Amino acid sequence: MILVRQEIGDVLRELRQRQGQTLRQVASKASVALGYLSEVERGQKEASSEILASVAEALDIPISIIMRTVGDRLAVLEGVDHFPDVVPDDLVAEVGPELSLR
């Protein structure tokens, strides 16, 4: 069984390590308990959207990049060989044409 929390934890750990930050540093910047963040990274705890946003900010990475990376990893694990890479028209209309890749 594929666990989304495991993939989220793996992505967060990889991003943190790539930046050379310790778990303690990110937990402090994100105002998250060190033990809790450790459990999130190990896929033992589900992180709320607020926690994910705080950790993303501490890593200085948009949460959309984190979630996209998680989604891409899940697609590979599920054996999805093709998935669309588009921004929905209604979101482009709401946010602005700068999101359009057309």
PDB file of N, CA and C in Angstrom:
ATOM      1  N   MET A   1       0.831  -1.178   0.000  1.00  0.00           N
ATOM      2  CA  MET A   1       0.000   0.000   0.000  1.00  0.00           C
ATOM      3  C   MET A   1       0.879   1.247   0.000  1.00  0.00           C
ATOM      4  N   ILE A   2       0.527   2.180  -0.857  1.00  0.00           N
ATOM      5  CA  ILE A   2       1.258   3.447  -0.942  1.00  0.00           C
ATOM      6  C   ILE A   2       0.722   4.389   0.127  1.00  0.00           C
ATOM      7  N   LEU A   3       1.626   4.950   0.916  1.00  0.00           N
ATOM      8  CA  LEU A   3       1.240   5.902   1.953  1.00  0.00           C
ATOM      9  C   LEU A   3       1.691   7.305   1.536  1.00  0.00           C
ATOM     10  N   VAL A   4       0.731   8.190   1.398  1.00  0.00           N
ATOM     11  CA  VAL A   4       1.037   9.564   1.009  1.00  0.00           C
ATOM     12  C   VAL A   4       1.932  10.203   2.063  1.00  0.00           C
ATOM     13  N   ARG A   5       1.656   9.933   3.330  1.00  0.00           N
ATOM     14  CA  ARG A   5       2.472  10.547   4.393  1.00  0.00           C
ATOM     15  C   ARG A   5       3.935  10.130   4.289  1.00  0.00           C
ATOM     16  N   GLN A   6       4.199   8.922   3.825  1.00  0.00           N
ATOM     17  CA  GLN A   6       5.580   8.457   3.651  1.00  0.00           C
ATOM     18  C   GLN A   6       6.264   9.241   2.542  1.00  0.00           C
ATOM     19  N   GLU A   7       5.563   9.457   1.451  1.00  0.00           N
ATOM     20  CA  GLU A   7       6.136  10.211   0.336  1.00  0.00           C
ATOM     21  C   GLU A   7       6.363  11.671   0.721  1.00  0.00           C
ATOM     22  N   ILE A   8       5.419  12.255   1.448  1.00  0.00           N
ATOM     23  CA  ILE A   8       5.596  13.635   1.915  1.00  0.00           C
ATOM     24  C   ILE A   8       6.834  13.721   2.802  1.00  0.00           C
ATOM     25  N   GLY A   9       6.961  12.803   3.723  1.00  0.00           N
ATOM     26  CA  GLY A   9       8.121  12.788   4.617  1.00  0.00           C
ATOM     27  C   GLY A   9       9.428  12.630   3.864  1.00  0.00           C
ATOM     28  N   ASP A  10       9.444  11.725   2.890  1.00  0.00           N
ATOM     29  CA  ASP A  10      10.663  11.516   2.102  1.00  0.00           C
ATOM     30  C   ASP A  10      11.046  12.776   1.338  1.00  0.00           C
ATOM     31  N   VAL A  11      10.060  13.443   0.749  1.00  0.00           N
ATOM     32  CA  VAL A  11      10.332  14.669  -0.011  1.00  0.00           C
ATOM     33  C   VAL A  11      10.846  15.765   0.916  1.00  0.00           C
ATOM     34  N   LEU A  12      10.202  15.938   2.058  1.00  0.00           N
ATOM     35  CA  LEU A  12      10.654  16.972   2.998  1.00  0.00           C
ATOM     36  C   LEU A  12      12.088  16.707   3.456  1.00  0.00           C
ATOM     37  N   ARG A  13      12.389  15.452   3.780  1.00  0.00           N
ATOM     38  CA  ARG A  13      13.747  15.098   4.224  1.00  0.00           C
ATOM     39  C   ARG A  13      14.767  15.366   3.118  1.00  0.00           C
ATOM     40  N   GLU A  14      14.456  14.951   1.896  1.00  0.00           N
ATOM     41  CA  GLU A  14      15.383  15.164   0.782  1.00  0.00           C
ATOM     42  C   GLU A  14      15.646  16.641   0.539  1.00  0.00           C
ATOM     43  N   LEU A  15      14.595  17.453   0.580  1.00  0.00           N
ATOM     44  CA  LEU A  15      14.762  18.892   0.373  1.00  0.00           C
ATOM     45  C   LEU A  15      15.602  19.510   1.485  1.00  0.00           C
ATOM     46  N   ARG A  16      15.315  19.123   2.714  1.00  0.00           N
ATOM     47  CA  ARG A  16      16.071  19.648   3.858  1.00  0.00           C
ATOM     48  C   ARG A  16      17.539  19.272   3.764  1.00  0.00           C
ATOM     49  N   GLN A  17      17.809  18.004   3.468  1.00  0.00           N
ATOM     50  CA  GLN A  17      19.192  17.538   3.391  1.00  0.00           C
ATOM     51  C   GLN A  17      19.936  18.180   2.219  1.00  0.00           C
ATOM     52  N   ARG A  18      19.223  18.384   1.105  1.00  0.00           N
ATOM     53  CA  ARG A  18      19.844  19.021  -0.059  1.00  0.00           C
ATOM     54  C   ARG A  18      20.308  20.437   0.290  1.00  0.00           C
ATOM     55  N   GLN A  19      19.584  21.089   1.206  1.00  0.00           N
ATOM     56  CA  GLN A  19      19.955  22.443   1.631  1.00  0.00           C
ATOM     57  C   GLN A  19      21.012  22.435   2.732  1.00  0.00           C
ATOM     58  N   GLY A  20      21.330  21.258   3.246  1.00  0.00           N
ATOM     59  CA  GLY A  20      22.319  21.171   4.314  1.00  0.00           C
ATOM     60  C   GLY A  20      21.795  21.632   5.663  1.00  0.00           C
ATOM     61  N   GLN A  21      20.485  21.616   5.834  1.00  0.00           N
ATOM     62  CA  GLN A  21      19.889  22.032   7.100  1.00  0.00           C
ATOM     63  C   GLN A  21      19.645  20.804   7.985  1.00  0.00           C
ATOM     64  N   THR A  22      19.752  21.028   9.266  1.00  0.00           N
ATOM     65  CA  THR A  22      19.445  19.956  10.212  1.00  0.00           C
ATOM     66  C   THR A  22      17.946  19.957  10.498  1.00  0.00           C
ATOM     67  N   LEU A  23      17.487  18.851  11.017  1.00  0.00           N
ATOM     68  CA  LEU A  23      16.098  18.735  11.429  1.00  0.00           C
ATOM     69  C   LEU A  23      15.782  19.799  12.482  1.00  0.00           C
ATOM     70  N   ARG A  24      16.702  20.009  13.384  1.00  0.00           N
ATOM     71  CA  ARG A  24      16.529  21.009  14.435  1.00  0.00           C
ATOM     72  C   ARG A  24      16.374  22.417  13.849  1.00  0.00           C
ATOM     73  N   GLN A  25      17.171  22.750  12.856  1.00  0.00           N
ATOM     74  CA  GLN A  25      17.091  24.076  12.243  1.00  0.00           C
ATOM     75  C   GLN A  25      15.730  24.307  11.589  1.00  0.00           C
ATOM     76  N   VAL A  26      15.272  23.328  10.823  1.00  0.00           N
ATOM     77  CA  VAL A  26      13.995  23.483  10.131  1.00  0.00           C
ATOM     78  C   VAL A  26      12.853  23.510  11.133  1.00  0.00           C
ATOM     79  N   ALA A  27      12.894  22.650  12.132  1.00  0.00           N
ATOM     80  CA  ALA A  27      11.842  22.632  13.150  1.00  0.00           C
ATOM     81  C   ALA A  27      11.757  23.983  13.853  1.00  0.00           C
ATOM     82  N   SER A  28      12.903  24.550  14.170  1.00  0.00           N
ATOM     83  CA  SER A  28      12.932  25.848  14.841  1.00  0.00           C
ATOM     84  C   SER A  28      12.351  26.944  13.945  1.00  0.00           C
ATOM     85  N   LYS A  29      12.782  26.996  12.693  1.00  0.00           N
ATOM     86  CA  LYS A  29      12.283  28.011  11.761  1.00  0.00           C
ATOM     87  C   LYS A  29      10.781  27.865  11.520  1.00  0.00           C
ATOM     88  N   ALA A  30      10.314  26.609  11.507  1.00  0.00           N
ATOM     89  CA  ALA A  30       8.897  26.350  11.220  1.00  0.00           C
ATOM     90  C   ALA A  30       8.033  26.402  12.477  1.00  0.00           C
ATOM     91  N   SER A  31       8.656  26.567  13.642  1.00  0.00           N
ATOM     92  CA  SER A  31       7.943  26.539  14.932  1.00  0.00           C
ATOM     93  C   SER A  31       7.159  25.243  15.102  1.00  0.00           C
ATOM     94  N   VAL A  32       7.842  24.147  14.803  1.00  0.00           N
ATOM     95  CA  VAL A  32       7.275  22.804  14.926  1.00  0.00           C
ATOM     96  C   VAL A  32       8.175  22.024  15.878  1.00  0.00           C
ATOM     97  N   ALA A  33       7.579  21.196  16.710  1.00  0.00           N
ATOM     98  CA  ALA A  33       8.373  20.390  17.638  1.00  0.00           C
ATOM     99  C   ALA A  33       9.311  19.475  16.855  1.00  0.00           C
ATOM    100  N   LEU A  34      10.544  19.397  17.299  1.00  0.00           N
ATOM    101  CA  LEU A  34      11.562  18.587  16.652  1.00  0.00           C
ATOM    102  C   LEU A  34      11.107  17.135  16.496  1.00  0.00           C
ATOM    103  N   GLY A  35      10.585  16.554  17.552  1.00  0.00           N
ATOM    104  CA  GLY A  35      10.137  15.161  17.508  1.00  0.00           C
ATOM    105  C   GLY A  35       9.011  14.949  16.522  1.00  0.00           C
ATOM    106  N   TYR A  36       8.103  15.918  16.455  1.00  0.00           N
ATOM    107  CA  TYR A  36       6.975  15.811  15.524  1.00  0.00           C
ATOM    108  C   TYR A  36       7.466  15.867  14.086  1.00  0.00           C
ATOM    109  N   LEU A  37       8.352  16.816  13.778  1.00  0.00           N
ATOM    110  CA  LEU A  37       8.873  16.926  12.422  1.00  0.00           C
ATOM    111  C   LEU A  37       9.646  15.661  12.048  1.00  0.00           C
ATOM    112  N   SER A  38      10.361  15.106  12.990  1.00  0.00           N
ATOM    113  CA  SER A  38      11.067  13.852  12.744  1.00  0.00           C
ATOM    114  C   SER A  38      10.085  12.745  12.366  1.00  0.00           C
ATOM    115  N   GLU A  39       8.969  12.667  13.091  1.00  0.00           N
ATOM    116  CA  GLU A  39       7.948  11.657  12.788  1.00  0.00           C
ATOM    117  C   GLU A  39       7.303  11.901  11.426  1.00  0.00           C
ATOM    118  N   VAL A  40       7.117  13.161  11.062  1.00  0.00           N
ATOM    119  CA  VAL A  40       6.568  13.491   9.741  1.00  0.00           C
ATOM    120  C   VAL A  40       7.536  13.027   8.658  1.00  0.00           C
ATOM    121  N   GLU A  41       8.805  13.337   8.825  1.00  0.00           N
ATOM    122  CA  GLU A  41       9.806  12.937   7.831  1.00  0.00           C
ATOM    123  C   GLU A  41       9.912  11.417   7.696  1.00  0.00           C
ATOM    124  N   ARG A  42       9.673  10.703   8.766  1.00  0.00           N
ATOM    125  CA  ARG A  42       9.742   9.237   8.727  1.00  0.00           C
ATOM    126  C   ARG A  42       8.417   8.611   8.289  1.00  0.00           C
ATOM    127  N   GLY A  43       7.428   9.451   7.993  1.00  0.00           N
ATOM    128  CA  GLY A  43       6.146   8.948   7.533  1.00  0.00           C
ATOM    129  C   GLY A  43       5.294   8.334   8.621  1.00  0.00           C
ATOM    130  N   GLN A  44       5.594   8.668   9.871  1.00  0.00           N
ATOM    131  CA  GLN A  44       4.848   8.118  10.999  1.00  0.00           C
ATOM    132  C   GLN A  44       3.669   8.992  11.416  1.00  0.00           C
ATOM    133  N   LYS A  45       3.715  10.258  11.043  1.00  0.00           N
ATOM    134  CA  LYS A  45       2.637  11.197  11.374  1.00  0.00           C
ATOM    135  C   LYS A  45       2.160  11.896  10.112  1.00  0.00           C
ATOM    136  N   GLU A  46       0.859  12.194  10.093  1.00  0.00           N
ATOM    137  CA  GLU A  46       0.271  12.987   9.017  1.00  0.00           C
ATOM    138  C   GLU A  46       0.479  14.460   9.358  1.00  0.00           C
ATOM    139  N   ALA A  47       1.017  15.205   8.423  1.00  0.00           N
ATOM    140  CA  ALA A  47       1.217  16.642   8.644  1.00  0.00           C
ATOM    141  C   ALA A  47      -0.004  17.408   8.149  1.00  0.00           C
ATOM    142  N   SER A  48      -0.473  18.339   8.952  1.00  0.00           N
ATOM    143  CA  SER A  48      -1.584  19.199   8.533  1.00  0.00           C
ATOM    144  C   SER A  48      -1.090  20.155   7.452  1.00  0.00           C
ATOM    145  N   SER A  49      -2.027  20.774   6.772  1.00  0.00           N
ATOM    146  CA  SER A  49      -1.651  21.753   5.743  1.00  0.00           C
ATOM    147  C   SER A  49      -0.905  22.927   6.371  1.00  0.00           C
ATOM    148  N   GLU A  50      -1.248  23.274   7.602  1.00  0.00           N
ATOM    149  CA  GLU A  50      -0.559  24.372   8.281  1.00  0.00           C
ATOM    150  C   GLU A  50       0.898  24.002   8.577  1.00  0.00           C
ATOM    151  N   ILE A  51       1.119  22.776   9.019  1.00  0.00           N
ATOM    152  CA  ILE A  51       2.488  22.317   9.288  1.00  0.00           C
ATOM    153  C   ILE A  51       3.281  22.283   7.989  1.00  0.00           C
ATOM    154  N   LEU A  52       2.672  21.741   6.935  1.00  0.00           N
ATOM    155  CA  LEU A  52       3.364  21.684   5.641  1.00  0.00           C
ATOM    156  C   LEU A  52       3.729  23.082   5.160  1.00  0.00           C
ATOM    157  N   ALA A  53       2.818  24.032   5.328  1.00  0.00           N
ATOM    158  CA  ALA A  53       3.095  25.410   4.916  1.00  0.00           C
ATOM    159  C   ALA A  53       4.243  26.006   5.731  1.00  0.00           C
ATOM    160  N   SER A  54       4.275  25.739   7.022  1.00  0.00           N
ATOM    161  CA  SER A  54       5.349  26.254   7.875  1.00  0.00           C
ATOM    162  C   SER A  54       6.698  25.651   7.503  1.00  0.00           C
ATOM    163  N   VAL A  55       6.708  24.357   7.230  1.00  0.00           N
ATOM    164  CA  VAL A  55       7.960  23.691   6.855  1.00  0.00           C
ATOM    165  C   VAL A  55       8.411  24.178   5.480  1.00  0.00           C
ATOM    166  N   ALA A  56       7.477  24.339   4.553  1.00  0.00           N
ATOM    167  CA  ALA A  56       7.819  24.851   3.224  1.00  0.00           C
ATOM    168  C   ALA A  56       8.451  26.235   3.342  1.00  0.00           C
ATOM    169  N   GLU A  57       7.864  27.078   4.181  1.00  0.00           N
ATOM    170  CA  GLU A  57       8.428  28.412   4.388  1.00  0.00           C
ATOM    171  C   GLU A  57       9.817  28.330   5.013  1.00  0.00           C
ATOM    172  N   ALA A  58       9.996  27.434   5.976  1.00  0.00           N
ATOM    173  CA  ALA A  58      11.304  27.267   6.609  1.00  0.00           C
ATOM    174  C   ALA A  58      12.348  26.787   5.604  1.00  0.00           C
ATOM    175  N   LEU A  59      11.905  26.012   4.618  1.00  0.00           N
ATOM    176  CA  LEU A  59      12.809  25.518   3.576  1.00  0.00           C
ATOM    177  C   LEU A  59      12.931  26.505   2.412  1.00  0.00           C
ATOM    178  N   ASP A  60      12.119  27.567   2.449  1.00  0.00           N
ATOM    179  CA  ASP A  60      12.075  28.575   1.385  1.00  0.00           C
ATOM    180  C   ASP A  60      11.761  27.929   0.036  1.00  0.00           C
ATOM    181  N   ILE A  61      10.778  27.031   0.063  1.00  0.00           N
ATOM    182  CA  ILE A  61      10.324  26.329  -1.135  1.00  0.00           C
ATOM    183  C   ILE A  61       8.806  26.449  -1.183  1.00  0.00           C
ATOM    184  N   PRO A  62       8.248  26.832  -2.313  1.00  0.00           N
ATOM    185  CA  PRO A  62       6.783  26.914  -2.404  1.00  0.00           C
ATOM    186  C   PRO A  62       6.145  25.555  -2.112  1.00  0.00           C
ATOM    187  N   ILE A  63       5.062  25.582  -1.379  1.00  0.00           N
ATOM    188  CA  ILE A  63       4.380  24.328  -1.041  1.00  0.00           C
ATOM    189  C   ILE A  63       3.918  23.616  -2.314  1.00  0.00           C
ATOM    190  N   SER A  64       3.645  24.386  -3.363  1.00  0.00           N
ATOM    191  CA  SER A  64       3.227  23.765  -4.629  1.00  0.00           C
ATOM    192  C   SER A  64       4.328  22.871  -5.193  1.00  0.00           C
ATOM    193  N   ILE A  65       5.574  23.253  -5.018  1.00  0.00           N
ATOM    194  CA  ILE A  65       6.698  22.442  -5.495  1.00  0.00           C
ATOM    195  C   ILE A  65       6.780  21.153  -4.679  1.00  0.00           C
ATOM    196  N   ILE A  66       6.585  21.271  -3.383  1.00  0.00           N
ATOM    197  CA  ILE A  66       6.612  20.081  -2.529  1.00  0.00           C
ATOM    198  C   ILE A  66       5.503  19.118  -2.932  1.00  0.00           C
ATOM    199  N   MET A  67       4.290  19.649  -3.086  1.00  0.00           N
ATOM    200  CA  MET A  67       3.159  18.789  -3.422  1.00  0.00           C
ATOM    201  C   MET A  67       3.284  18.220  -4.836  1.00  0.00           C
ATOM    202  N   ARG A  68       3.830  18.994  -5.747  1.00  0.00           N
ATOM    203  CA  ARG A  68       4.040  18.486  -7.113  1.00  0.00           C
ATOM    204  C   ARG A  68       5.039  17.334  -7.092  1.00  0.00           C
ATOM    205  N   THR A  69       6.108  17.485  -6.326  1.00  0.00           N
ATOM    206  CA  THR A  69       7.103  16.427  -6.217  1.00  0.00           C
ATOM    207  C   THR A  69       6.488  15.175  -5.614  1.00  0.00           C
ATOM    208  N   VAL A  70       5.698  15.349  -4.577  1.00  0.00           N
ATOM    209  CA  VAL A  70       5.003  14.211  -3.960  1.00  0.00           C
ATOM    210  C   VAL A  70       4.084  13.556  -4.989  1.00  0.00           C
ATOM    211  N   GLY A  71       3.318  14.355  -5.724  1.00  0.00           N
ATOM    212  CA  GLY A  71       2.409  13.829  -6.735  1.00  0.00           C
ATOM    213  C   GLY A  71       3.139  13.058  -7.818  1.00  0.00           C
ATOM    214  N   ASP A  72       4.269  13.581  -8.257  1.00  0.00           N
ATOM    215  CA  ASP A  72       5.062  12.889  -9.275  1.00  0.00           C
ATOM    216  C   ASP A  72       5.574  11.550  -8.755  1.00  0.00           C
ATOM    217  N   ARG A  73       6.010  11.531  -7.505  1.00  0.00           N
ATOM    218  CA  ARG A  73       6.493  10.272  -6.910  1.00  0.00           C
ATOM    219  C   ARG A  73       5.363   9.257  -6.796  1.00  0.00           C
ATOM    220  N   LEU A  74       4.191   9.723  -6.390  1.00  0.00           N
ATOM    221  CA  LEU A  74       3.039   8.827  -6.281  1.00  0.00           C
ATOM    222  C   LEU A  74       2.662   8.260  -7.647  1.00  0.00           C
ATOM    223  N   ALA A  75       2.705   9.090  -8.671  1.00  0.00           N
ATOM    224  CA  ALA A  75       2.369   8.631 -10.020  1.00  0.00           C
ATOM    225  C   ALA A  75       3.310   7.509 -10.456  1.00  0.00           C
ATOM    226  N   VAL A  76       4.582   7.659 -10.165  1.00  0.00           N
ATOM    227  CA  VAL A  76       5.555   6.617 -10.509  1.00  0.00           C
ATOM    228  C   VAL A  76       5.241   5.339  -9.746  1.00  0.00           C
ATOM    229  N   LEU A  77       4.979   5.463  -8.454  1.00  0.00           N
ATOM    230  CA  LEU A  77       4.666   4.284  -7.641  1.00  0.00           C
ATOM    231  C   LEU A  77       3.390   3.589  -8.100  1.00  0.00           C
ATOM    232  N   GLU A  78       2.439   4.367  -8.604  1.00  0.00           N
ATOM    233  CA  GLU A  78       1.180   3.807  -9.084  1.00  0.00           C
ATOM    234  C   GLU A  78       1.276   3.279 -10.516  1.00  0.00           C
ATOM    235  N   GLY A  79       2.392   3.541 -11.149  1.00  0.00           N
ATOM    236  CA  GLY A  79       2.577   3.072 -12.514  1.00  0.00           C
ATOM    237  C   GLY A  79       1.880   3.910 -13.558  1.00  0.00           C
ATOM    238  N   VAL A  80       1.566   5.144 -13.210  1.00  0.00           N
ATOM    239  CA  VAL A  80       0.935   6.046 -14.173  1.00  0.00           C
ATOM    240  C   VAL A  80       2.014   6.468 -15.162  1.00  0.00           C
ATOM    241  N   ASP A  81       1.774   6.199 -16.442  1.00  0.00           N
ATOM    242  CA  ASP A  81       2.807   6.518 -17.427  1.00  0.00           C
ATOM    243  C   ASP A  81       2.581   7.848 -18.132  1.00  0.00           C
ATOM    244  N   HIS A  82       1.403   8.437 -17.949  1.00  0.00           N
ATOM    245  CA  HIS A  82       1.154   9.749 -18.550  1.00  0.00           C
ATOM    246  C   HIS A  82       0.122  10.490 -17.711  1.00  0.00           C
ATOM    247  N   PHE A  83       0.436  11.691 -17.344  1.00  0.00           N
ATOM    248  CA  PHE A  83      -0.536  12.523 -16.653  1.00  0.00           C
ATOM    249  C   PHE A  83      -0.375  13.945 -17.154  1.00  0.00           C
ATOM    250  N   PRO A  84      -1.485  14.665 -17.261  1.00  0.00           N
ATOM    251  CA  PRO A  84      -1.434  16.009 -17.848  1.00  0.00           C
ATOM    252  C   PRO A  84      -0.608  16.980 -17.007  1.00  0.00           C
ATOM    253  N   ASP A  85      -0.004  17.911 -17.703  1.00  0.00           N
ATOM    254  CA  ASP A  85       0.812  18.933 -17.056  1.00  0.00           C
ATOM    255  C   ASP A  85       0.253  20.303 -17.435  1.00  0.00           C
ATOM    256  N   VAL A  86      -0.952  20.567 -16.927  1.00  0.00           N
ATOM    257  CA  VAL A  86      -1.622  21.814 -17.280  1.00  0.00           C
ATOM    258  C   VAL A  86      -2.180  22.486 -16.031  1.00  0.00           C
ATOM    259  N   VAL A  87      -2.336  23.776 -16.137  1.00  0.00           N
ATOM    260  CA  VAL A  87      -2.994  24.549 -15.094  1.00  0.00           C
ATOM    261  C   VAL A  87      -4.453  24.709 -15.528  1.00  0.00           C
ATOM    262  N   PRO A  88      -5.402  24.353 -14.666  1.00  0.00           N
ATOM    263  CA  PRO A  88      -6.814  24.471 -15.045  1.00  0.00           C
ATOM    264  C   PRO A  88      -7.186  25.899 -15.471  1.00  0.00           C
ATOM    265  N   ASP A  89      -8.023  26.005 -16.508  1.00  0.00           N
ATOM    266  CA  ASP A  89      -8.415  27.309 -17.039  1.00  0.00           C
ATOM    267  C   ASP A  89      -9.047  28.210 -15.988  1.00  0.00           C
ATOM    268  N   ASP A  90      -9.868  27.621 -15.085  1.00  0.00           N
ATOM    269  CA  ASP A  90     -10.521  28.449 -14.073  1.00  0.00           C
ATOM    270  C   ASP A  90      -9.511  29.044 -13.095  1.00  0.00           C
ATOM    271  N   LEU A  91      -8.422  28.330 -12.816  1.00  0.00           N
ATOM    272  CA  LEU A  91      -7.388  28.870 -11.935  1.00  0.00           C
ATOM    273  C   LEU A  91      -6.621  29.988 -12.639  1.00  0.00           C
ATOM    274  N   VAL A  92      -6.342  29.801 -13.924  1.00  0.00           N
ATOM    275  CA  VAL A  92      -5.665  30.850 -14.687  1.00  0.00           C
ATOM    276  C   VAL A  92      -6.515  32.112 -14.697  1.00  0.00           C
ATOM    277  N   ALA A  93      -7.822  31.945 -14.897  1.00  0.00           N
ATOM    278  CA  ALA A  93      -8.719  33.099 -14.923  1.00  0.00           C
ATOM    279  C   ALA A  93      -8.756  33.802 -13.564  1.00  0.00           C
ATOM    280  N   GLU A  94      -8.688  33.023 -12.497  1.00  0.00           N
ATOM    281  CA  GLU A  94      -8.752  33.589 -11.150  1.00  0.00           C
ATOM    282  C   GLU A  94      -7.454  34.285 -10.753  1.00  0.00           C
ATOM    283  N   VAL A  95      -6.326  33.660 -11.054  1.00  0.00           N
ATOM    284  CA  VAL A  95      -5.028  34.170 -10.605  1.00  0.00           C
ATOM    285  C   VAL A  95      -4.407  35.139 -11.612  1.00  0.00           C
ATOM    286  N   GLY A  96      -4.550  34.824 -12.870  1.00  0.00           N
ATOM    287  CA  GLY A  96      -4.004  35.718 -13.890  1.00  0.00           C
ATOM    288  C   GLY A  96      -3.340  34.973 -15.017  1.00  0.00           C
ATOM    289  N   PRO A  97      -3.182  35.642 -16.133  1.00  0.00           N
ATOM    290  CA  PRO A  97      -2.630  35.008 -17.331  1.00  0.00           C
ATOM    291  C   PRO A  97      -1.161  34.608 -17.199  1.00  0.00           C
ATOM    292  N   GLU A  98      -0.441  35.142 -16.209  1.00  0.00           N
ATOM    293  CA  GLU A  98       0.965  34.775 -16.064  1.00  0.00           C
ATOM    294  C   GLU A  98       1.158  33.289 -15.757  1.00  0.00           C
ATOM    295  N   LEU A  99       0.083  32.603 -15.303  1.00  0.00           N
ATOM    296  CA  LEU A  99       0.174  31.158 -15.061  1.00  0.00           C
ATOM    297  C   LEU A  99       0.029  30.354 -16.340  1.00  0.00           C
ATOM    298  N   SER A 100      -0.513  30.945 -17.363  1.00  0.00           N
ATOM    299  CA  SER A 100      -0.768  30.207 -18.593  1.00  0.00           C
ATOM    300  C   SER A 100       0.539  29.853 -19.271  1.00  0.00           C
ATOM    301  N   LEU A 101       0.659  28.613 -19.675  1.00  0.00           N
ATOM    302  CA  LEU A 101       1.865  28.151 -20.369  1.00  0.00           C
ATOM    303  C   LEU A 101       1.620  28.051 -21.873  1.00  0.00           C
ATOM    304  N   ARG A 102       0.478  28.527 -22.310  1.00  0.00           N
ATOM    305  CA  ARG A 102       0.134  28.419 -23.736  1.00  0.00           C
ATOM    306  C   ARG A 102       0.726  29.525 -24.536  1.00  0.00           C
TER     307      ARG A 102
END
